[in-house]
Amino acid sequence: MAISINSSDIARLKHLVTEGVRVKQEVEDLNEGLRETVKAVAEELEIKPKLLNKVITIAHKGNLHVHTDELEDIEAILKATGARII
């Protein structure tokens, strides 16, 4: 099934694509800057970048409770199976 596009639609689509590409580039640039900042701070504080990124994600989503609940479940399973917990 082919779509039909009139001249008005073409102008709107061109604008959408142009703006979409611009926004995607901005997001890519911001993400790269954040990666570099996280890496620098991680090195200074001797913390793994992965941990800092996780902290940022949890803070952004506001879902610490999900991770806390998950960790409690993991701990319960480890204890139940007699696995070594360090």
N, C-alpha and C. Protein backbone atom coordinates (compact mmCIF):
# COMPACT_ATOMS: atom_id res chain seq x y z
N MET A 1 0.85 -1.17 0.00
CA MET A 1 0.00 0.00 0.00
C MET A 1 0.89 1.24 0.00
N ALA A 2 0.76 2.05 -0.99
CA ALA A 2 1.56 3.26 -1.11
C ALA A 2 0.86 4.42 -0.40
N ILE A 3 1.67 5.28 0.17
CA ILE A 3 1.10 6.46 0.81
C ILE A 3 1.05 7.59 -0.20
N SER A 4 0.08 8.46 -0.04
CA SER A 4 0.00 9.62 -0.94
C SER A 4 0.44 10.85 -0.15
N ILE A 5 1.32 11.60 -0.78
CA ILE A 5 1.89 12.78 -0.12
C ILE A 5 1.67 13.98 -1.03
N ASN A 6 0.95 14.98 -0.50
CA ASN A 6 0.75 16.19 -1.29
C ASN A 6 1.84 17.20 -0.96
N SER A 7 1.84 18.34 -1.62
CA SER A 7 2.91 19.32 -1.44
C SER A 7 2.96 19.87 -0.01
N SER A 8 1.82 20.03 0.62
CA SER A 8 1.77 20.50 2.00
C SER A 8 2.41 19.46 2.93
N ASP A 9 2.09 18.20 2.68
CA ASP A 9 2.68 17.11 3.48
C ASP A 9 4.20 17.06 3.31
N ILE A 10 4.65 17.28 2.09
CA ILE A 10 6.09 17.24 1.81
C ILE A 10 6.82 18.30 2.62
N ALA A 11 6.27 19.50 2.67
CA ALA A 11 6.90 20.58 3.44
C ALA A 11 6.96 20.21 4.92
N ARG A 12 5.87 19.67 5.45
CA ARG A 12 5.83 19.27 6.86
C ARG A 12 6.83 18.15 7.14
N LEU A 13 6.91 17.19 6.22
CA LEU A 13 7.83 16.07 6.39
C LEU A 13 9.28 16.54 6.32
N LYS A 14 9.58 17.44 5.40
CA LYS A 14 10.94 17.97 5.30
C LYS A 14 11.32 18.66 6.61
N HIS A 15 10.41 19.48 7.15
CA HIS A 15 10.66 20.17 8.41
C HIS A 15 10.87 19.16 9.53
N LEU A 16 10.02 18.15 9.60
CA LEU A 16 10.13 17.12 10.63
C LEU A 16 11.48 16.41 10.55
N VAL A 17 11.86 16.02 9.37
CA VAL A 17 13.13 15.30 9.20
C VAL A 17 14.31 16.20 9.57
N THR A 18 14.29 17.43 9.11
CA THR A 18 15.37 18.37 9.42
C THR A 18 15.49 18.58 10.93
N GLU A 19 14.38 18.84 11.58
CA GLU A 19 14.39 19.04 13.03
C GLU A 19 14.76 17.75 13.77
N GLY A 20 14.27 16.62 13.29
CA GLY A 20 14.59 15.35 13.91
C GLY A 20 16.08 15.05 13.86
N VAL A 21 16.70 15.31 12.73
CA VAL A 21 18.14 15.10 12.58
C VAL A 21 18.91 16.04 13.51
N ARG A 22 18.47 17.30 13.60
CA ARG A 22 19.12 18.26 14.46
C ARG A 22 19.04 17.83 15.93
N VAL A 23 17.86 17.42 16.35
CA VAL A 23 17.67 17.00 17.75
C VAL A 23 18.49 15.75 18.06
N LYS A 24 18.47 14.79 17.14
CA LYS A 24 19.26 13.57 17.35
C LYS A 24 20.75 13.90 17.49
N GLN A 25 21.25 14.83 16.70
CA GLN A 25 22.66 15.23 16.78
C GLN A 25 22.94 15.90 18.12
N GLU A 26 22.03 16.75 18.57
CA GLU A 26 22.20 17.40 19.88
C GLU A 26 22.25 16.36 20.99
N VAL A 27 21.37 15.40 20.94
CA VAL A 27 21.34 14.34 21.96
C VAL A 27 22.65 13.55 21.93
N GLU A 28 23.10 13.21 20.73
CA GLU A 28 24.36 12.48 20.59
C GLU A 28 25.53 13.28 21.18
N ASP A 29 25.57 14.57 20.89
CA ASP A 29 26.63 15.44 21.42
C ASP A 29 26.57 15.52 22.95
N LEU A 30 25.36 15.67 23.48
CA LEU A 30 25.20 15.75 24.93
C LEU A 30 25.60 14.43 25.60
N ASN A 31 25.22 13.32 25.01
CA ASN A 31 25.60 12.02 25.56
C ASN A 31 27.11 11.83 25.57
N GLU A 32 27.76 12.27 24.51
CA GLU A 32 29.22 12.17 24.44
C GLU A 32 29.86 13.02 25.53
N GLY A 33 29.34 14.23 25.73
CA GLY A 33 29.86 15.09 26.79
C GLY A 33 29.66 14.49 28.16
N LEU A 34 28.52 13.87 28.38
CA LEU A 34 28.26 13.21 29.66
C LEU A 34 29.21 12.04 29.86
N ARG A 35 29.43 11.24 28.81
CA ARG A 35 30.38 10.12 28.91
C ARG A 35 31.77 10.60 29.31
N GLU A 36 32.21 11.68 28.69
CA GLU A 36 33.53 12.23 29.00
C GLU A 36 33.60 12.74 30.44
N THR A 37 32.54 13.40 30.89
CA THR A 37 32.49 13.91 32.26
C THR A 37 32.49 12.77 33.26
N VAL A 38 31.66 11.77 33.02
CA VAL A 38 31.60 10.61 33.91
C VAL A 38 32.97 9.93 33.98
N LYS A 39 33.60 9.78 32.85
CA LYS A 39 34.92 9.13 32.82
C LYS A 39 35.93 9.93 33.65
N ALA A 40 35.93 11.24 33.49
CA ALA A 40 36.88 12.08 34.22
C ALA A 40 36.63 12.03 35.73
N VAL A 41 35.38 12.14 36.13
CA VAL A 41 35.05 12.10 37.56
C VAL A 41 35.35 10.72 38.13
N ALA A 42 35.04 9.69 37.37
CA ALA A 42 35.31 8.32 37.82
C ALA A 42 36.80 8.11 38.07
N GLU A 43 37.62 8.63 37.17
CA GLU A 43 39.07 8.51 37.35
C GLU A 43 39.53 9.26 38.59
N GLU A 44 39.01 10.48 38.77
CA GLU A 44 39.40 11.29 39.93
C GLU A 44 39.02 10.63 41.25
N LEU A 45 37.83 10.06 41.30
CA LEU A 45 37.30 9.48 42.53
C LEU A 45 37.58 7.98 42.67
N GLU A 46 38.22 7.43 41.64
CA GLU A 46 38.51 5.99 41.61
C GLU A 46 37.24 5.16 41.80
N ILE A 47 36.23 5.52 41.01
CA ILE A 47 34.95 4.81 40.96
C ILE A 47 34.76 4.36 39.51
N LYS A 48 34.20 3.19 39.35
CA LYS A 48 33.96 2.70 37.98
C LYS A 48 32.91 3.57 37.28
N PRO A 49 33.17 3.95 36.04
CA PRO A 49 32.21 4.75 35.28
C PRO A 49 30.83 4.08 35.20
N LYS A 50 30.83 2.74 35.10
CA LYS A 50 29.57 2.01 35.01
C LYS A 50 28.69 2.30 36.24
N LEU A 51 29.31 2.37 37.41
CA LEU A 51 28.57 2.65 38.63
C LEU A 51 27.99 4.07 38.61
N LEU A 52 28.80 5.02 38.20
CA LEU A 52 28.32 6.40 38.12
C LEU A 52 27.19 6.54 37.12
N ASN A 53 27.31 5.86 35.99
CA ASN A 53 26.24 5.90 34.99
C ASN A 53 24.95 5.30 35.54
N LYS A 54 25.07 4.23 36.32
CA LYS A 54 23.89 3.62 36.92
C LYS A 54 23.25 4.59 37.92
N VAL A 55 24.07 5.26 38.72
CA VAL A 55 23.56 6.25 39.67
C VAL A 55 22.80 7.35 38.93
N ILE A 56 23.36 7.83 37.85
CA ILE A 56 22.72 8.89 37.07
C ILE A 56 21.38 8.41 36.51
N THR A 57 21.36 7.19 35.99
CA THR A 57 20.13 6.64 35.43
C THR A 57 19.05 6.48 36.50
N ILE A 58 19.45 5.95 37.66
CA ILE A 58 18.49 5.77 38.75
C ILE A 58 17.96 7.12 39.23
N ALA A 59 18.84 8.10 39.34
CA ALA A 59 18.42 9.44 39.76
C ALA A 59 17.47 10.05 38.73
N HIS A 60 17.77 9.85 37.47
CA HIS A 60 16.93 10.39 36.39
C HIS A 60 15.54 9.76 36.40
N LYS A 61 15.49 8.44 36.55
CA LYS A 61 14.21 7.73 36.52
C LYS A 61 13.49 7.75 37.86
N GLY A 62 14.24 8.04 38.93
CA GLY A 62 13.63 8.07 40.25
C GLY A 62 13.13 6.71 40.69
N ASN A 63 13.88 5.65 40.34
CA ASN A 63 13.41 4.30 40.63
C ASN A 63 14.36 3.49 41.50
N LEU A 64 14.93 4.12 42.50
CA LEU A 64 15.84 3.40 43.39
C LEU A 64 15.14 2.21 44.04
N HIS A 65 13.87 2.35 44.35
CA HIS A 65 13.13 1.26 45.00
C HIS A 65 13.15 -0.02 44.17
N VAL A 66 13.14 0.11 42.86
CA VAL A 66 13.18 -1.08 41.99
C VAL A 66 14.50 -1.82 42.20
N HIS A 67 15.57 -1.08 42.26
CA HIS A 67 16.89 -1.70 42.43
C HIS A 67 17.07 -2.24 43.83
N THR A 68 16.52 -1.55 44.82
CA THR A 68 16.59 -2.01 46.20
C THR A 68 15.83 -3.32 46.35
N ASP A 69 14.62 -3.37 45.78
CA ASP A 69 13.81 -4.59 45.84
C ASP A 69 14.52 -5.74 45.13
N GLU A 70 15.11 -5.45 43.99
CA GLU A 70 15.82 -6.47 43.22
C GLU A 70 17.01 -7.01 44.02
N LEU A 71 17.75 -6.13 44.64
CA LEU A 71 18.91 -6.55 45.43
C LEU A 71 18.48 -7.40 46.62
N GLU A 72 17.37 -7.04 47.25
CA GLU A 72 16.85 -7.84 48.35
C GLU A 72 16.46 -9.23 47.88
N ASP A 73 15.85 -9.33 46.70
CA ASP A 73 15.49 -10.64 46.14
C ASP A 73 16.73 -11.47 45.84
N ILE A 74 17.75 -10.84 45.29
CA ILE A 74 19.01 -11.54 44.99
C ILE A 74 19.63 -12.06 46.28
N GLU A 75 19.65 -11.21 47.30
CA GLU A 75 20.21 -11.61 48.59
C GLU A 75 19.44 -12.79 49.18
N ALA A 76 18.12 -12.76 49.08
CA ALA A 76 17.30 -13.85 49.61
C ALA A 76 17.59 -15.16 48.89
N ILE A 77 17.74 -15.10 47.59
CA ILE A 77 18.04 -16.32 46.81
C ILE A 77 19.41 -16.84 47.17
N LEU A 78 20.39 -15.96 47.28
CA LEU A 78 21.74 -16.39 47.64
C LEU A 78 21.76 -17.06 49.02
N LYS A 79 21.06 -16.48 49.97
CA LYS A 79 21.00 -17.06 51.31
C LYS A 79 20.29 -18.40 51.29
N ALA A 80 19.19 -18.48 50.55
CA ALA A 80 18.40 -19.71 50.48
C ALA A 80 19.19 -20.86 49.85
N THR A 81 20.04 -20.53 48.89
CA THR A 81 20.82 -21.56 48.21
C THR A 81 22.15 -21.84 48.89
N GLY A 82 22.43 -21.09 49.94
CA GLY A 82 23.69 -21.28 50.67
C GLY A 82 24.88 -20.79 49.90
N ALA A 83 24.66 -19.95 48.90
CA ALA A 83 25.77 -19.41 48.12
C ALA A 83 26.57 -18.45 48.99
N ARG A 84 27.82 -18.38 48.68
CA ARG A 84 28.72 -17.52 49.44
C ARG A 84 28.41 -16.05 49.17
N ILE A 85 28.19 -15.29 50.23
CA ILE A 85 27.94 -13.86 50.13
C ILE A 85 29.12 -13.14 50.77
N ILE A 86 29.75 -12.32 49.98
CA ILE A 86 30.93 -11.62 50.48
C ILE A 86 30.53 -10.24 50.92
